[in-house]
Structures are given as structure tokens and as C-alpha cells.
Amino acid sequence: MKTAISIPDDVFEAAEELARRSGQTRSGLYSRAVREYLARHAPGRVTEALDRALEDVGAPAAASEGAFAVESGRRVLEEAEW
């Protein structure tokens, strides 16, 4: 989907430089940045996805004996800089 946004000049210039250095397109860089921002601000979605993955492999979910590991992982993901 195409969209138009306004950002400060210094942010645009830094993003352009990062895209060039990392070999990404501008659209790719912005898409990745928004995905990471969304993941950081929706930790419950990450926890839900991990719980579903654990269920798929038959591992205990947060409410059972694996609660410590799940809670620890959730806290790390919440505090991680994406």
C-alpha cells in the first residue's frame, strides 16, 4: 500500500543514509521500522504467538510448569530495543 507521511528533515536524511549503507530500499527500511515499532508496543501479541507455538509442539504454556520461562521471555521482549 502506498502512503504519504511527513517526517522531520533530519530523520529523513538519517533514514536515507541507513538505507544506502544497508542496501535497502527506502520503503523496505520504513516497513521494517514500523514492524519493529509495532512489535515493541504490542508485547501481548508476541506472547500469544509464543504460546501458540508452544502449544503446537506440545510444550507447557504460561499457566503451567513453563510459566517462568514464558514470563522471562515476555519481559526480555518487552525491554528489548527492536
PDB file of N, CA and C in Angstrom:
ATOM      1  N   MET A   1       0.840  -1.166   0.000  1.00  0.00           N
ATOM      2  CA  MET A   1       0.000   0.000   0.000  1.00  0.00           C
ATOM      3  C   MET A   1       0.888   1.233   0.000  1.00  0.00           C
ATOM      4  N   LYS A   2       0.540   2.184  -0.789  1.00  0.00           N
ATOM      5  CA  LYS A   2       1.276   3.440  -0.819  1.00  0.00           C
ATOM      6  C   LYS A   2       0.639   4.409   0.158  1.00  0.00           C
ATOM      7  N   THR A   3       1.496   5.215   0.787  1.00  0.00           N
ATOM      8  CA  THR A   3       1.006   6.231   1.712  1.00  0.00           C
ATOM      9  C   THR A   3       1.970   7.406   1.697  1.00  0.00           C
ATOM     10  N   ALA A   4       1.516   8.539   2.127  1.00  0.00           N
ATOM     11  CA  ALA A   4       2.368   9.724   2.220  1.00  0.00           C
ATOM     12  C   ALA A   4       2.430  10.142   3.683  1.00  0.00           C
ATOM     13  N   ILE A   5       3.643  10.407   4.157  1.00  0.00           N
ATOM     14  CA  ILE A   5       3.825  10.851   5.534  1.00  0.00           C
ATOM     15  C   ILE A   5       4.769  12.040   5.546  1.00  0.00           C
ATOM     16  N   SER A   6       4.750  12.792   6.626  1.00  0.00           N
ATOM     17  CA  SER A   6       5.685  13.890   6.816  1.00  0.00           C
ATOM     18  C   SER A   6       6.565  13.572   8.012  1.00  0.00           C
ATOM     19  N   ILE A   7       7.877  13.711   7.819  1.00  0.00           N
ATOM     20  CA  ILE A   7       8.819  13.487   8.908  1.00  0.00           C
ATOM     21  C   ILE A   7       9.843  14.624   8.895  1.00  0.00           C
ATOM     22  N   PRO A   8      10.492  14.865  10.029  1.00  0.00           N
ATOM     23  CA  PRO A   8      11.499  15.932  10.069  1.00  0.00           C
ATOM     24  C   PRO A   8      12.654  15.633   9.106  1.00  0.00           C
ATOM     25  N   ASP A   9      13.260  16.683   8.592  1.00  0.00           N
ATOM     26  CA  ASP A   9      14.348  16.533   7.630  1.00  0.00           C
ATOM     27  C   ASP A   9      15.499  15.686   8.168  1.00  0.00           C
ATOM     28  N   ASP A  10      15.860  15.883   9.437  1.00  0.00           N
ATOM     29  CA  ASP A  10      16.999  15.141   9.977  1.00  0.00           C
ATOM     30  C   ASP A  10      16.699  13.637  10.057  1.00  0.00           C
ATOM     31  N   VAL A  11      15.456  13.275  10.347  1.00  0.00           N
ATOM     32  CA  VAL A  11      15.068  11.862  10.393  1.00  0.00           C
ATOM     33  C   VAL A  11      15.104  11.279   8.989  1.00  0.00           C
ATOM     34  N   PHE A  12      14.604  12.030   8.027  1.00  0.00           N
ATOM     35  CA  PHE A  12      14.624  11.574   6.632  1.00  0.00           C
ATOM     36  C   PHE A  12      16.048  11.340   6.157  1.00  0.00           C
ATOM     37  N   GLU A  13      16.927  12.302   6.430  1.00  0.00           N
ATOM     38  CA  GLU A  13      18.310  12.183   5.982  1.00  0.00           C
ATOM     39  C   GLU A  13      19.014  10.995   6.639  1.00  0.00           C
ATOM     40  N   ALA A  14      18.782  10.794   7.932  1.00  0.00           N
ATOM     41  CA  ALA A  14      19.390   9.653   8.623  1.00  0.00           C
ATOM     42  C   ALA A  14      18.857   8.334   8.066  1.00  0.00           C
ATOM     43  N   ALA A  15      17.574   8.292   7.758  1.00  0.00           N
ATOM     44  CA  ALA A  15      16.971   7.085   7.194  1.00  0.00           C
ATOM     45  C   ALA A  15      17.518   6.811   5.799  1.00  0.00           C
ATOM     46  N   GLU A  16      17.686   7.850   5.000  1.00  0.00           N
ATOM     47  CA  GLU A  16      18.258   7.687   3.660  1.00  0.00           C
ATOM     48  C   GLU A  16      19.666   7.105   3.745  1.00  0.00           C
ATOM     49  N   GLU A  17      20.469   7.630   4.669  1.00  0.00           N
ATOM     50  CA  GLU A  17      21.835   7.149   4.838  1.00  0.00           C
ATOM     51  C   GLU A  17      21.851   5.696   5.291  1.00  0.00           C
ATOM     52  N   LEU A  18      20.994   5.351   6.239  1.00  0.00           N
ATOM     53  CA  LEU A  18      20.928   3.975   6.715  1.00  0.00           C
ATOM     54  C   LEU A  18      20.488   3.031   5.597  1.00  0.00           C
ATOM     55  N   ALA A  19      19.506   3.428   4.827  1.00  0.00           N
ATOM     56  CA  ALA A  19      19.036   2.599   3.710  1.00  0.00           C
ATOM     57  C   ALA A  19      20.176   2.366   2.723  1.00  0.00           C
ATOM     58  N   ARG A  20      20.909   3.411   2.400  1.00  0.00           N
ATOM     59  CA  ARG A  20      22.042   3.279   1.469  1.00  0.00           C
ATOM     60  C   ARG A  20      23.102   2.328   2.022  1.00  0.00           C
ATOM     61  N   ARG A  21      23.492   2.558   3.279  1.00  0.00           N
ATOM     62  CA  ARG A  21      24.552   1.735   3.883  1.00  0.00           C
ATOM     63  C   ARG A  21      24.150   0.272   4.008  1.00  0.00           C
ATOM     64  N   SER A  22      22.863   0.025   4.259  1.00  0.00           N
ATOM     65  CA  SER A  22      22.415  -1.356   4.474  1.00  0.00           C
ATOM     66  C   SER A  22      21.874  -2.017   3.212  1.00  0.00           C
ATOM     67  N   GLY A  23      21.889  -1.285   2.111  1.00  0.00           N
ATOM     68  CA  GLY A  23      21.442  -1.862   0.844  1.00  0.00           C
ATOM     69  C   GLY A  23      19.945  -2.114   0.776  1.00  0.00           C
ATOM     70  N   GLN A  24      19.192  -1.325   1.500  1.00  0.00           N
ATOM     71  CA  GLN A  24      17.735  -1.471   1.498  1.00  0.00           C
ATOM     72  C   GLN A  24      17.097  -0.351   0.689  1.00  0.00           C
ATOM     73  N   THR A  25      15.888  -0.588   0.261  1.00  0.00           N
ATOM     74  CA  THR A  25      15.115   0.492  -0.327  1.00  0.00           C
ATOM     75  C   THR A  25      14.540   1.338   0.798  1.00  0.00           C
ATOM     76  N   ARG A  26      14.146   2.542   0.480  1.00  0.00           N
ATOM     77  CA  ARG A  26      13.507   3.403   1.477  1.00  0.00           C
ATOM     78  C   ARG A  26      12.234   2.747   1.997  1.00  0.00           C
ATOM     79  N   SER A  27      11.436   2.182   1.102  1.00  0.00           N
ATOM     80  CA  SER A  27      10.201   1.515   1.519  1.00  0.00           C
ATOM     81  C   SER A  27      10.492   0.338   2.439  1.00  0.00           C
ATOM     82  N   GLY A  28      11.517  -0.439   2.116  1.00  0.00           N
ATOM     83  CA  GLY A  28      11.886  -1.574   2.952  1.00  0.00           C
ATOM     84  C   GLY A  28      12.306  -1.129   4.340  1.00  0.00           C
ATOM     85  N   LEU A  29      13.101  -0.072   4.397  1.00  0.00           N
ATOM     86  CA  LEU A  29      13.554   0.452   5.690  1.00  0.00           C
ATOM     87  C   LEU A  29      12.376   0.915   6.534  1.00  0.00           C
ATOM     88  N   TYR A  30      11.479   1.700   5.947  1.00  0.00           N
ATOM     89  CA  TYR A  30      10.333   2.201   6.709  1.00  0.00           C
ATOM     90  C   TYR A  30       9.400   1.065   7.125  1.00  0.00           C
ATOM     91  N   SER A  31       9.196   0.088   6.256  1.00  0.00           N
ATOM     92  CA  SER A  31       8.343  -1.051   6.610  1.00  0.00           C
ATOM     93  C   SER A  31       8.923  -1.811   7.794  1.00  0.00           C
ATOM     94  N   ARG A  32      10.217  -2.058   7.741  1.00  0.00           N
ATOM     95  CA  ARG A  32      10.867  -2.773   8.840  1.00  0.00           C
ATOM     96  C   ARG A  32      10.791  -1.966  10.134  1.00  0.00           C
ATOM     97  N   ALA A  33      11.019  -0.680  10.048  1.00  0.00           N
ATOM     98  CA  ALA A  33      10.973   0.171  11.236  1.00  0.00           C
ATOM     99  C   ALA A  33       9.581   0.165  11.870  1.00  0.00           C
ATOM    100  N   VAL A  34       8.548   0.244  11.060  1.00  0.00           N
ATOM    101  CA  VAL A  34       7.184   0.240  11.595  1.00  0.00           C
ATOM    102  C   VAL A  34       6.857  -1.122  12.200  1.00  0.00           C
ATOM    103  N   ARG A  35       7.275  -2.203  11.545  1.00  0.00           N
ATOM    104  CA  ARG A  35       7.045  -3.543  12.109  1.00  0.00           C
ATOM    105  C   ARG A  35       7.698  -3.677  13.480  1.00  0.00           C
ATOM    106  N   GLU A  36       8.944  -3.228  13.589  1.00  0.00           N
ATOM    107  CA  GLU A  36       9.648  -3.314  14.862  1.00  0.00           C
ATOM    108  C   GLU A  36       8.967  -2.455  15.923  1.00  0.00           C
ATOM    109  N   TYR A  37       8.514  -1.273  15.546  1.00  0.00           N
ATOM    110  CA  TYR A  37       7.809  -0.396  16.479  1.00  0.00           C
ATOM    111  C   TYR A  37       6.517  -1.056  16.964  1.00  0.00           C
ATOM    112  N   LEU A  38       5.780  -1.641  16.036  1.00  0.00           N
ATOM    113  CA  LEU A  38       4.535  -2.318  16.407  1.00  0.00           C
ATOM    114  C   LEU A  38       4.794  -3.500  17.332  1.00  0.00           C
ATOM    115  N   ALA A  39       5.829  -4.266  17.042  1.00  0.00           N
ATOM    116  CA  ALA A  39       6.162  -5.413  17.892  1.00  0.00           C
ATOM    117  C   ALA A  39       6.530  -4.952  19.298  1.00  0.00           C
ATOM    118  N   ARG A  40       7.258  -3.858  19.395  1.00  0.00           N
ATOM    119  CA  ARG A  40       7.668  -3.342  20.696  1.00  0.00           C
ATOM    120  C   ARG A  40       6.476  -2.844  21.505  1.00  0.00           C
ATOM    121  N   HIS A  41       5.475  -2.327  20.829  1.00  0.00           N
ATOM    122  CA  HIS A  41       4.333  -1.742  21.532  1.00  0.00           C
ATOM    123  C   HIS A  41       3.135  -2.679  21.624  1.00  0.00           C
ATOM    124  N   ALA A  42       3.317  -3.918  21.219  1.00  0.00           N
ATOM    125  CA  ALA A  42       2.247  -4.914  21.333  1.00  0.00           C
ATOM    126  C   ALA A  42       2.838  -6.215  21.879  1.00  0.00           C
ATOM    127  N   PRO A  43       3.471  -6.170  23.065  1.00  0.00           N
ATOM    128  CA  PRO A  43       4.121  -7.381  23.586  1.00  0.00           C
ATOM    129  C   PRO A  43       3.149  -8.526  23.823  1.00  0.00           C
ATOM    130  N   GLY A  44       1.884  -8.229  24.072  1.00  0.00           N
ATOM    131  CA  GLY A  44       0.892  -9.283  24.257  1.00  0.00           C
ATOM    132  C   GLY A  44       0.752 -10.146  23.016  1.00  0.00           C
ATOM    133  N   ARG A  45       0.885  -9.544  21.845  1.00  0.00           N
ATOM    134  CA  ARG A  45       0.801 -10.308  20.595  1.00  0.00           C
ATOM    135  C   ARG A  45       1.971 -11.261  20.472  1.00  0.00           C
ATOM    136  N   VAL A  46       3.151 -10.836  20.909  1.00  0.00           N
ATOM    137  CA  VAL A  46       4.318 -11.708  20.861  1.00  0.00           C
ATOM    138  C   VAL A  46       4.112 -12.884  21.810  1.00  0.00           C
ATOM    139  N   THR A  47       3.626 -12.588  23.016  1.00  0.00           N
ATOM    140  CA  THR A  47       3.374 -13.646  23.996  1.00  0.00           C
ATOM    141  C   THR A  47       2.348 -14.635  23.459  1.00  0.00           C
ATOM    142  N   GLU A  48       1.282 -14.139  22.852  1.00  0.00           N
ATOM    143  CA  GLU A  48       0.265 -15.019  22.277  1.00  0.00           C
ATOM    144  C   GLU A  48       0.862 -15.905  21.191  1.00  0.00           C
ATOM    145  N   ALA A  49       1.708 -15.338  20.343  1.00  0.00           N
ATOM    146  CA  ALA A  49       2.331 -16.116  19.273  1.00  0.00           C
ATOM    147  C   ALA A  49       3.248 -17.189  19.859  1.00  0.00           C
ATOM    148  N   LEU A  50       3.997 -16.846  20.909  1.00  0.00           N
ATOM    149  CA  LEU A  50       4.857 -17.838  21.549  1.00  0.00           C
ATOM    150  C   LEU A  50       4.029 -18.939  22.201  1.00  0.00           C
ATOM    151  N   ASP A  51       2.933 -18.563  22.855  1.00  0.00           N
ATOM    152  CA  ASP A  51       2.048 -19.564  23.463  1.00  0.00           C
ATOM    153  C   ASP A  51       1.495 -20.517  22.412  1.00  0.00           C
ATOM    154  N   ARG A  52       1.080 -19.984  21.248  1.00  0.00           N
ATOM    155  CA  ARG A  52       0.567 -20.835  20.177  1.00  0.00           C
ATOM    156  C   ARG A  52       1.649 -21.771  19.669  1.00  0.00           C
ATOM    157  N   ALA A  53       2.868 -21.248  19.530  1.00  0.00           N
ATOM    158  CA  ALA A  53       3.973 -22.083  19.063  1.00  0.00           C
ATOM    159  C   ALA A  53       4.268 -23.199  20.062  1.00  0.00           C
ATOM    160  N   LEU A  54       4.235 -22.871  21.349  1.00  0.00           N
ATOM    161  CA  LEU A  54       4.465 -23.884  22.377  1.00  0.00           C
ATOM    162  C   LEU A  54       3.377 -24.955  22.353  1.00  0.00           C
ATOM    163  N   GLU A  55       2.133 -24.530  22.145  1.00  0.00           N
ATOM    164  CA  GLU A  55       1.035 -25.491  22.055  1.00  0.00           C
ATOM    165  C   GLU A  55       1.239 -26.428  20.865  1.00  0.00           C
ATOM    166  N   ASP A  56       1.703 -25.871  19.752  1.00  0.00           N
ATOM    167  CA  ASP A  56       1.917 -26.674  18.541  1.00  0.00           C
ATOM    168  C   ASP A  56       2.945 -27.782  18.751  1.00  0.00           C
ATOM    169  N   VAL A  57       3.942 -27.521  19.582  1.00  0.00           N
ATOM    170  CA  VAL A  57       4.974 -28.535  19.819  1.00  0.00           C
ATOM    171  C   VAL A  57       4.742 -29.312  21.111  1.00  0.00           C
ATOM    172  N   GLY A  58       3.630 -29.036  21.779  1.00  0.00           N
ATOM    173  CA  GLY A  58       3.286 -29.776  22.981  1.00  0.00           C
ATOM    174  C   GLY A  58       4.011 -29.326  24.229  1.00  0.00           C
ATOM    175  N   ALA A  59       4.603 -28.151  24.203  1.00  0.00           N
ATOM    176  CA  ALA A  59       5.296 -27.625  25.382  1.00  0.00           C
ATOM    177  C   ALA A  59       4.298 -26.925  26.290  1.00  0.00           C
ATOM    178  N   PRO A  60       4.616 -26.820  27.583  1.00  0.00           N
ATOM    179  CA  PRO A  60       3.696 -26.157  28.511  1.00  0.00           C
ATOM    180  C   PRO A  60       3.564 -24.664  28.211  1.00  0.00           C
ATOM    181  N   ALA A  61       2.368 -24.142  28.397  1.00  0.00           N
ATOM    182  CA  ALA A  61       2.113 -22.713  28.195  1.00  0.00           C
ATOM    183  C   ALA A  61       2.311 -21.965  29.506  1.00  0.00           C
ATOM    184  N   ALA A  62       2.046 -20.666  29.501  1.00  0.00           N
ATOM    185  CA  ALA A  62       2.337 -19.790  30.636  1.00  0.00           C
ATOM    186  C   ALA A  62       1.664 -20.215  31.927  1.00  0.00           C
ATOM    187  N   ALA A  63       0.517 -20.821  31.858  1.00  0.00           N
ATOM    188  CA  ALA A  63      -0.219 -21.162  33.073  1.00  0.00           C
ATOM    189  C   ALA A  63       0.274 -22.439  33.743  1.00  0.00           C
ATOM    190  N   SER A  64       1.235 -23.124  33.165  1.00  0.00           N
ATOM    191  CA  SER A  64       1.679 -24.398  33.718  1.00  0.00           C
ATOM    192  C   SER A  64       3.122 -24.325  34.181  1.00  0.00           C
ATOM    193  N   GLU A  65       3.820 -25.461  34.206  1.00  0.00           N
ATOM    194  CA  GLU A  65       5.170 -25.533  34.753  1.00  0.00           C
ATOM    195  C   GLU A  65       6.194 -24.705  33.989  1.00  0.00           C
ATOM    196  N   GLY A  66       5.915 -24.317  32.773  1.00  0.00           N
ATOM    197  CA  GLY A  66       6.845 -23.496  31.995  1.00  0.00           C
ATOM    198  C   GLY A  66       6.606 -22.012  32.163  1.00  0.00           C
ATOM    199  N   ALA A  67       5.826 -21.637  33.171  1.00  0.00           N
ATOM    200  CA  ALA A  67       5.458 -20.230  33.361  1.00  0.00           C
ATOM    201  C   ALA A  67       6.675 -19.336  33.540  1.00  0.00           C
ATOM    202  N   PHE A  68       7.679 -19.801  34.261  1.00  0.00           N
ATOM    203  CA  PHE A  68       8.863 -18.980  34.482  1.00  0.00           C
ATOM    204  C   PHE A  68       9.544 -18.631  33.171  1.00  0.00           C
ATOM    205  N   ALA A  69       9.743 -19.619  32.325  1.00  0.00           N
ATOM    206  CA  ALA A  69      10.414 -19.388  31.046  1.00  0.00           C
ATOM    207  C   ALA A  69       9.603 -18.451  30.162  1.00  0.00           C
ATOM    208  N   VAL A  70       8.316 -18.647  30.127  1.00  0.00           N
ATOM    209  CA  VAL A  70       7.458 -17.801  29.294  1.00  0.00           C
ATOM    210  C   VAL A  70       7.458 -16.369  29.810  1.00  0.00           C
ATOM    211  N   GLU A  71       7.313 -16.210  31.118  1.00  0.00           N
ATOM    212  CA  GLU A  71       7.307 -14.868  31.710  1.00  0.00           C
ATOM    213  C   GLU A  71       8.654 -14.187  31.506  1.00  0.00           C
ATOM    214  N   SER A  72       9.738 -14.921  31.663  1.00  0.00           N
ATOM    215  CA  SER A  72      11.066 -14.350  31.444  1.00  0.00           C
ATOM    216  C   SER A  72      11.223 -13.891  29.999  1.00  0.00           C
ATOM    217  N   GLY A  73      10.795 -14.725  29.068  1.00  0.00           N
ATOM    218  CA  GLY A  73      10.862 -14.355  27.660  1.00  0.00           C
ATOM    219  C   GLY A  73      10.031 -13.126  27.349  1.00  0.00           C
ATOM    220  N   ARG A  74       8.842 -13.049  27.938  1.00  0.00           N
ATOM    221  CA  ARG A  74       7.985 -11.882  27.729  1.00  0.00           C
ATOM    222  C   ARG A  74       8.672 -10.616  28.212  1.00  0.00           C
ATOM    223  N   ARG A  75       9.283 -10.677  29.388  1.00  0.00           N
ATOM    224  CA  ARG A  75       9.952  -9.496  29.944  1.00  0.00           C
ATOM    225  C   ARG A  75      11.136  -9.069  29.088  1.00  0.00           C
ATOM    226  N   VAL A  76      11.883 -10.027  28.605  1.00  0.00           N
ATOM    227  CA  VAL A  76      13.017  -9.693  27.751  1.00  0.00           C
ATOM    228  C   VAL A  76      12.532  -9.019  26.476  1.00  0.00           C
ATOM    229  N   LEU A  77      11.488  -9.553  25.875  1.00  0.00           N
ATOM    230  CA  LEU A  77      10.962  -8.969  24.636  1.00  0.00           C
ATOM    231  C   LEU A  77      10.399  -7.572  24.867  1.00  0.00           C
ATOM    232  N   GLU A  78       9.767  -7.353  26.005  1.00  0.00           N
ATOM    233  CA  GLU A  78       9.227  -6.026  26.301  1.00  0.00           C
ATOM    234  C   GLU A  78      10.330  -4.983  26.440  1.00  0.00           C
ATOM    235  N   GLU A  79      11.449  -5.394  27.003  1.00  0.00           N
ATOM    236  CA  GLU A  79      12.535  -4.453  27.257  1.00  0.00           C
ATOM    237  C   GLU A  79      13.527  -4.353  26.107  1.00  0.00           C
ATOM    238  N   ALA A  80      13.443  -5.262  25.148  1.00  0.00           N
ATOM    239  CA  ALA A  80      14.392  -5.275  24.038  1.00  0.00           C
ATOM    240  C   ALA A  80      14.200  -4.083  23.135  1.00  0.00           C
ATOM    241  N   GLU A  81      15.310  -3.557  22.654  1.00  0.00           N
ATOM    242  CA  GLU A  81      15.251  -2.463  21.696  1.00  0.00           C
ATOM    243  C   GLU A  81      15.196  -3.077  20.308  1.00  0.00           C
ATOM    244  N   TRP A  82      14.081  -2.961  19.649  1.00  0.00           N
ATOM    245  CA  TRP A  82      13.888  -3.558  18.329  1.00  0.00           C
ATOM    246  C   TRP A  82      14.459  -2.633  17.331  1.00  0.00           C
TER     247      TRP A  82
END
